[in-house]
Amino acid sequence: MISLVESQQPFNITESALSAEAKSLLSSTNLLSINGTIFQDLNSNAKRDSEEIGLIGWTIKLSRNGSESIATRTDGFGHYAFNNLEPGVYSVVYLLN
C-alpha cells in the first residue's frame, strides 16, 4: 500500500507569511524553494519511519496562482525540489505511478 499525505491547502509563499530571518534572505535573493519527500507509508501514520523507503521516479507538478505547472521527478531517495521560486501561491500535485 502506498499512502500520500499532503495538505489540501496551497502553499502560500508571501512576505507576510515569512519570519524576519526569511524576509531578510528574501530581500537579498528574492527566490524561494518548495521541496519534499514521497515515501511508502507502510503503517499509514503520515510520518516517515526508518524502514519506509522513498519512492523513486514519481512525477511532481507545481503550479503557481492556478497557472500552467512545471514538473520534476523524485530522486533516488524520493526527494523533490522546486528552486528559484518567486513569492506566490503554489499547489503541489503528486501523479500516481
C-alpha atoms as a PDB file:
ATOM      1  CA  MET A   1       0.000   0.000   0.000  1.00  0.00           C
ATOM      2  CA  ILE A   2       1.193   3.496  -0.787  1.00  0.00           C
ATOM      3  CA  SER A   3      -0.214   6.452   1.106  1.00  0.00           C
ATOM      4  CA  LEU A   4       0.393  10.003   0.005  1.00  0.00           C
ATOM      5  CA  VAL A   5      -0.139  12.721   2.555  1.00  0.00           C
ATOM      6  CA  GLU A   6      -0.359  16.323   1.556  1.00  0.00           C
ATOM      7  CA  SER A   7      -2.126  19.462   2.625  1.00  0.00           C
ATOM      8  CA  GLN A   8      -5.326  20.317   0.811  1.00  0.00           C
ATOM      9  CA  GLN A   9      -4.305  23.958   1.110  1.00  0.00           C
ATOM     10  CA  PRO A  10      -1.943  25.509  -1.456  1.00  0.00           C
ATOM     11  CA  PHE A  11       1.455  26.654  -0.290  1.00  0.00           C
ATOM     12  CA  ASN A  12       1.171  30.401   0.254  1.00  0.00           C
ATOM     13  CA  ILE A  13       4.599  31.956  -0.033  1.00  0.00           C
ATOM     14  CA  THR A  14       4.191  35.650   0.621  1.00  0.00           C
ATOM     15  CA  GLU A  15       6.322  38.087   2.564  1.00  0.00           C
ATOM     16  CA  SER A  16       3.676  38.343   5.303  1.00  0.00           C
ATOM     17  CA  ALA A  17       3.903  34.564   5.890  1.00  0.00           C
ATOM     18  CA  LEU A  18       7.679  34.623   6.408  1.00  0.00           C
ATOM     19  CA  SER A  19       9.772  35.054   9.545  1.00  0.00           C
ATOM     20  CA  ALA A  20      12.021  38.099   9.936  1.00  0.00           C
ATOM     21  CA  GLU A  21      15.064  35.982   9.045  1.00  0.00           C
ATOM     22  CA  ALA A  22      13.353  34.619   5.943  1.00  0.00           C
ATOM     23  CA  LYS A  23      12.285  38.136   4.914  1.00  0.00           C
ATOM     24  CA  SER A  24      15.908  39.253   5.200  1.00  0.00           C
ATOM     25  CA  LEU A  25      17.025  36.386   2.969  1.00  0.00           C
ATOM     26  CA  LEU A  26      14.204  37.075   0.546  1.00  0.00           C
ATOM     27  CA  SER A  27      15.194  40.707   0.189  1.00  0.00           C
ATOM     28  CA  SER A  28      18.705  39.650  -0.774  1.00  0.00           C
ATOM     29  CA  THR A  29      17.740  36.849  -3.172  1.00  0.00           C
ATOM     30  CA  ASN A  30      14.012  37.193  -3.977  1.00  0.00           C
ATOM     31  CA  LEU A  31      13.884  33.437  -4.622  1.00  0.00           C
ATOM     32  CA  LEU A  32      12.394  30.584  -2.597  1.00  0.00           C
ATOM     33  CA  SER A  33      12.127  26.766  -2.767  1.00  0.00           C
ATOM     34  CA  ILE A  34       9.475  24.116  -2.190  1.00  0.00           C
ATOM     35  CA  ASN A  35      10.737  20.600  -1.537  1.00  0.00           C
ATOM     36  CA  GLY A  36       9.601  17.344  -0.011  1.00  0.00           C
ATOM     37  CA  THR A  37       9.838  13.576   0.030  1.00  0.00           C
ATOM     38  CA  ILE A  38       7.414  10.941  -1.182  1.00  0.00           C
ATOM     39  CA  PHE A  39       7.674   7.630   0.635  1.00  0.00           C
ATOM     40  CA  GLN A  40       5.831   4.379   1.131  1.00  0.00           C
ATOM     41  CA  ASP A  41       3.910   4.877   4.385  1.00  0.00           C
ATOM     42  CA  LEU A  42       3.756   1.237   5.472  1.00  0.00           C
ATOM     43  CA  ASN A  43       1.894   1.856   8.752  1.00  0.00           C
ATOM     44  CA  SER A  44      -0.285   4.765   7.487  1.00  0.00           C
ATOM     45  CA  ASN A  45       0.806   7.111  10.297  1.00  0.00           C
ATOM     46  CA  ALA A  46       1.581  10.024   7.922  1.00  0.00           C
ATOM     47  CA  LYS A  47       5.183  10.172   9.216  1.00  0.00           C
ATOM     48  CA  ARG A  48       8.278   8.685   7.639  1.00  0.00           C
ATOM     49  CA  ASP A  49       9.710   5.919   9.766  1.00  0.00           C
ATOM     50  CA  SER A  50      13.201   4.469   9.315  1.00  0.00           C
ATOM     51  CA  GLU A  51      12.019   1.382   7.412  1.00  0.00           C
ATOM     52  CA  GLU A  52       9.890   3.365   4.937  1.00  0.00           C
ATOM     53  CA  ILE A  53      11.590   3.882   1.596  1.00  0.00           C
ATOM     54  CA  GLY A  54      11.461   6.923  -0.661  1.00  0.00           C
ATOM     55  CA  LEU A  55       9.610   6.448  -3.942  1.00  0.00           C
ATOM     56  CA  ILE A  56      11.878   6.925  -6.957  1.00  0.00           C
ATOM     57  CA  GLY A  57      10.853   8.492 -10.269  1.00  0.00           C
ATOM     58  CA  TRP A  58       7.450   9.873  -9.265  1.00  0.00           C
ATOM     59  CA  THR A  59       6.282  12.952 -11.165  1.00  0.00           C
ATOM     60  CA  ILE A  60       5.541  16.039  -9.067  1.00  0.00           C
ATOM     61  CA  LYS A  61       3.836  19.082 -10.623  1.00  0.00           C
ATOM     62  CA  LEU A  62       3.916  22.610  -9.267  1.00  0.00           C
ATOM     63  CA  SER A  63       1.508  25.333 -10.354  1.00  0.00           C
ATOM     64  CA  ARG A  64       1.578  28.978  -9.358  1.00  0.00           C
ATOM     65  CA  ASN A  65      -1.579  31.010  -8.829  1.00  0.00           C
ATOM     66  CA  GLY A  66      -3.526  28.402 -10.825  1.00  0.00           C
ATOM     67  CA  SER A  67      -1.413  28.847 -13.957  1.00  0.00           C
ATOM     68  CA  GLU A  68       0.450  26.261 -16.026  1.00  0.00           C
ATOM     69  CA  SER A  69       2.580  23.895 -13.998  1.00  0.00           C
ATOM     70  CA  ILE A  70       6.173  22.745 -14.093  1.00  0.00           C
ATOM     71  CA  ALA A  71       7.179  19.187 -13.266  1.00  0.00           C
ATOM     72  CA  THR A  72      10.058  17.288 -11.722  1.00  0.00           C
ATOM     73  CA  ARG A  73      10.708  13.685 -10.694  1.00  0.00           C
ATOM     74  CA  THR A  74      11.680  12.288  -7.317  1.00  0.00           C
ATOM     75  CA  ASP A  75      15.322  11.272  -6.963  1.00  0.00           C
ATOM     76  CA  GLY A  76      16.824   8.014  -5.668  1.00  0.00           C
ATOM     77  CA  PHE A  77      15.615   8.808  -2.135  1.00  0.00           C
ATOM     78  CA  GLY A  78      12.119  10.070  -3.027  1.00  0.00           C
ATOM     79  CA  HIS A  79      13.119  13.739  -2.691  1.00  0.00           C
ATOM     80  CA  TYR A  80      11.927  16.505  -4.999  1.00  0.00           C
ATOM     81  CA  ALA A  81      12.611  20.241  -5.149  1.00  0.00           C
ATOM     82  CA  PHE A  82      11.414  23.302  -6.999  1.00  0.00           C
ATOM     83  CA  ASN A  83      14.006  26.067  -6.657  1.00  0.00           C
ATOM     84  CA  ASN A  84      14.276  29.734  -7.603  1.00  0.00           C
ATOM     85  CA  LEU A  85      10.575  30.463  -6.953  1.00  0.00           C
ATOM     86  CA  GLU A  86       9.133  33.923  -6.653  1.00  0.00           C
ATOM     87  CA  PRO A  87       6.605  34.688  -3.883  1.00  0.00           C
ATOM     88  CA  GLY A  88       3.106  33.469  -4.782  1.00  0.00           C
ATOM     89  CA  VAL A  89       0.501  30.806  -4.090  1.00  0.00           C
ATOM     90  CA  TYR A  90       1.654  27.356  -5.181  1.00  0.00           C
ATOM     91  CA  SER A  91      -0.037  23.962  -5.449  1.00  0.00           C
ATOM     92  CA  VAL A  92       1.869  20.675  -5.461  1.00  0.00           C
ATOM     93  CA  VAL A  93       0.347  17.630  -7.188  1.00  0.00           C
ATOM     94  CA  TYR A  94       1.709  14.086  -6.973  1.00  0.00           C
ATOM     95  CA  LEU A  95       0.997  11.930 -10.036  1.00  0.00           C
ATOM     96  CA  LEU A  96       0.453   8.292  -9.113  1.00  0.00           C
ATOM     97  CA  ASN A  97       2.846   5.837 -10.726  1.00  0.00           C
END
